[in-house]
Amino acid sequence: MASVRIWCKKQLQLGSLSLAQRRMMGLMSVALGEVIGRVKSATGPTDQPAKPLKPGYQRVKVGRWHKSGVRDLILTGSMLKSLSVRTVSDNRASAAVTEAFQERNKAANRARRRKGLARVTNRIKAWANQKREPWLVFSPRNQEAIRKVALAELAAEFQKLPR
């Protein structure tokens, strides 16, 4: 079966998904949650600590913004918030970094939209961070968590089968 875009005009459209596509949507949501949790805990793609920040950026991040001095990809949080499932098929799902969430300053939002930067900035940040150290990958712990969820879903389906 062909893949289905689940976002249409900035709204989530789940009504047209088949049962298999809904299951895949659930698995991909769990997978993204696992990846985001790993990234927020400053863990790299091999479940080891993430690469250290460069000394200059670390001083600025800790001093000016009062954030932790580790590579957790959470300065404003908009890049990780904008990571979402985009298309789903029976056996495949894809995710993407999409447009930024609303900032507190409405004037800044209008200026960014006028310049066309609302969508591009998070994608550029994600791409640059991916080049520094792969973060949008499934680590062994992520794969195990996804496997457990998939097996639990299969076990629940086998319980429903007539005997």
Protein backbone atom coordinates (compact mmCIF):
# COMPACT_ATOMS: atom_id res chain seq x y z
CA MET A 1 0.00 0.00 0.00
CA ALA A 2 1.19 3.51 -0.72
CA SER A 3 2.38 5.80 2.04
CA VAL A 4 0.01 8.39 3.45
CA ARG A 5 0.96 11.91 4.47
CA ILE A 6 -0.52 12.38 7.91
CA TRP A 7 -0.04 16.15 8.05
CA CYS A 8 -2.24 18.28 5.82
CA LYS A 9 -2.45 22.05 6.17
CA LYS A 10 -0.74 21.96 9.59
CA GLN A 11 -3.28 19.49 10.98
CA LEU A 12 -2.84 15.85 11.90
CA GLN A 13 -5.04 13.64 9.69
CA LEU A 14 -5.40 10.13 11.15
CA GLY A 15 -8.88 9.29 9.84
CA SER A 16 -7.68 7.86 6.53
CA LEU A 17 -5.14 5.42 8.01
CA SER A 18 -5.62 1.67 7.85
CA LEU A 19 -5.09 -0.50 10.92
CA ALA A 20 -1.54 -1.43 9.87
CA GLN A 21 -0.71 2.23 9.25
CA ARG A 22 -2.06 3.17 12.69
CA ARG A 23 0.18 0.54 14.26
CA MET A 24 3.16 1.89 12.34
CA MET A 25 2.26 5.41 13.47
CA GLY A 26 2.28 4.21 17.08
CA LEU A 27 5.64 2.48 16.67
CA MET A 28 7.20 5.53 15.04
CA SER A 29 5.86 7.77 17.81
CA VAL A 30 7.50 5.52 20.39
CA ALA A 31 10.71 5.52 18.34
CA LEU A 32 10.82 9.32 18.16
CA GLY A 33 10.14 9.56 21.87
CA GLU A 34 13.06 7.22 22.55
CA VAL A 35 15.43 9.20 20.30
CA ILE A 36 14.40 12.53 21.84
CA GLY A 37 14.81 11.10 25.34
CA ARG A 38 18.28 9.84 24.46
CA VAL A 39 19.30 13.17 22.98
CA LYS A 40 17.98 15.11 25.99
CA SER A 41 20.06 12.93 28.29
CA ALA A 42 23.21 13.87 26.28
CA THR A 43 23.77 10.30 25.09
CA GLY A 44 25.28 9.62 21.68
CA PRO A 45 24.25 7.12 18.99
CA THR A 46 26.22 4.29 20.63
CA ASP A 47 24.68 4.86 24.09
CA GLN A 48 27.90 6.50 25.26
CA PRO A 49 28.08 10.15 26.39
CA ALA A 50 27.68 12.59 23.50
CA LYS A 51 30.64 14.47 22.09
CA PRO A 52 31.70 17.40 24.27
CA LEU A 53 30.87 20.92 23.19
CA LYS A 54 33.58 23.20 21.90
CA PRO A 55 35.01 25.22 24.82
CA GLY A 56 33.83 28.62 23.55
CA TYR A 57 30.26 27.48 22.94
CA GLN A 58 30.20 25.65 26.26
CA ARG A 59 31.15 28.85 28.14
CA VAL A 60 28.43 30.82 26.33
CA LYS A 61 25.79 28.13 26.85
CA VAL A 62 26.50 27.86 30.58
CA GLY A 63 27.23 31.53 31.24
CA ARG A 64 24.72 33.44 29.15
CA TRP A 65 21.87 30.98 28.81
CA HIS A 66 22.28 29.11 32.12
CA LYS A 67 21.96 25.73 30.43
CA SER A 68 23.96 22.57 31.03
CA GLY A 69 27.36 22.40 29.36
CA VAL A 70 26.69 19.14 27.50
CA ARG A 71 25.54 18.36 23.95
CA ASP A 72 21.86 17.78 24.69
CA LEU A 73 20.51 19.84 21.75
CA ILE A 74 18.25 21.82 24.07
CA LEU A 75 19.00 25.51 23.86
CA THR A 76 15.52 26.75 23.03
CA GLY A 77 13.98 23.31 22.55
CA SER A 78 12.27 24.22 19.28
CA MET A 79 14.30 21.84 17.10
CA LEU A 80 13.40 18.74 19.11
CA LYS A 81 9.77 19.87 19.47
CA SER A 82 9.45 20.18 15.72
CA LEU A 83 10.58 16.60 15.05
CA SER A 84 7.48 14.63 14.08
CA VAL A 85 6.17 11.70 12.03
CA ARG A 86 5.35 12.86 8.51
CA THR A 87 4.39 9.86 6.34
CA VAL A 88 3.20 6.36 7.20
CA SER A 89 2.74 3.18 5.18
CA ASP A 90 2.00 -0.40 6.24
CA ASN A 91 5.66 -1.23 6.87
CA ARG A 92 7.51 2.10 6.88
CA ALA A 93 7.25 5.49 8.54
CA SER A 94 9.31 8.64 8.14
CA ALA A 95 9.93 11.60 10.39
CA ALA A 96 11.18 15.10 9.68
CA VAL A 97 12.08 18.32 11.39
CA THR A 98 9.29 20.68 10.43
CA GLU A 99 8.45 24.28 11.12
CA ALA A 100 9.23 25.87 14.47
CA PHE A 101 6.73 26.16 17.27
CA GLN A 102 5.51 29.60 18.24
CA GLU A 103 7.92 31.76 20.16
CA ARG A 104 6.80 33.96 23.01
CA ASN A 105 7.55 37.14 21.10
CA LYS A 106 4.80 37.61 18.49
CA ALA A 107 6.78 40.24 16.60
CA ALA A 108 9.67 37.82 16.22
CA ASN A 109 7.28 35.18 14.87
CA ARG A 110 5.91 37.58 12.25
CA ALA A 111 9.41 38.64 11.21
CA ARG A 112 10.56 35.03 10.86
CA ARG A 113 7.49 34.14 8.78
CA ARG A 114 8.03 37.16 6.52
CA LYS A 115 11.62 36.11 5.91
CA GLY A 116 10.61 32.47 5.36
CA LEU A 117 12.85 31.31 8.21
CA ALA A 118 10.23 29.55 10.34
CA ARG A 119 10.76 26.21 8.61
CA VAL A 120 14.34 26.48 7.50
CA THR A 121 16.13 27.30 10.76
CA ASN A 122 15.25 24.07 12.57
CA ARG A 123 16.16 22.00 9.53
CA ILE A 124 19.53 23.73 9.26
CA LYS A 125 20.18 23.24 12.99
CA ALA A 126 19.25 19.56 12.73
CA TRP A 127 21.47 19.07 9.66
CA ALA A 128 24.45 20.83 11.28
CA ASN A 129 24.12 18.83 14.49
CA GLN A 130 23.78 15.62 12.47
CA LYS A 131 27.09 16.45 10.77
CA ARG A 132 28.81 17.04 14.13
CA GLU A 133 27.56 13.80 15.61
CA PRO A 134 24.72 11.61 14.32
CA TRP A 135 21.79 12.14 16.67
CA LEU A 136 18.78 11.20 14.56
CA VAL A 137 19.59 7.48 14.57
CA PHE A 138 18.39 4.54 16.64
CA SER A 139 20.91 3.50 19.27
CA PRO A 140 20.98 -0.11 20.53
CA ARG A 141 18.84 0.87 23.55
CA ASN A 142 16.37 2.65 21.28
CA GLN A 143 16.12 -0.40 19.04
CA GLU A 144 15.50 -2.65 22.04
CA ALA A 145 12.73 -0.39 23.36
CA ILE A 146 11.04 -0.28 19.94
CA ARG A 147 11.35 -4.07 19.66
CA LYS A 148 9.68 -4.52 23.06
CA VAL A 149 6.74 -2.30 22.06
CA ALA A 150 6.34 -4.12 18.74
CA LEU A 151 6.40 -7.53 20.45
CA ALA A 152 3.84 -6.35 23.01
CA GLU A 153 1.54 -5.21 20.18
CA LEU A 154 1.95 -8.54 18.40
CA ALA A 155 1.24 -10.46 21.60
CA ALA A 156 -1.93 -8.41 22.13
CA GLU A 157 -3.04 -9.20 18.55
CA PHE A 158 -2.41 -12.93 19.03
CA GLN A 159 -4.56 -12.85 22.17
CA LYS A 160 -7.45 -11.51 20.09
CA LEU A 161 -7.27 -14.31 17.50
CA PRO A 162 -10.01 -16.94 17.72
CA ARG A 163 -8.85 -20.34 18.87
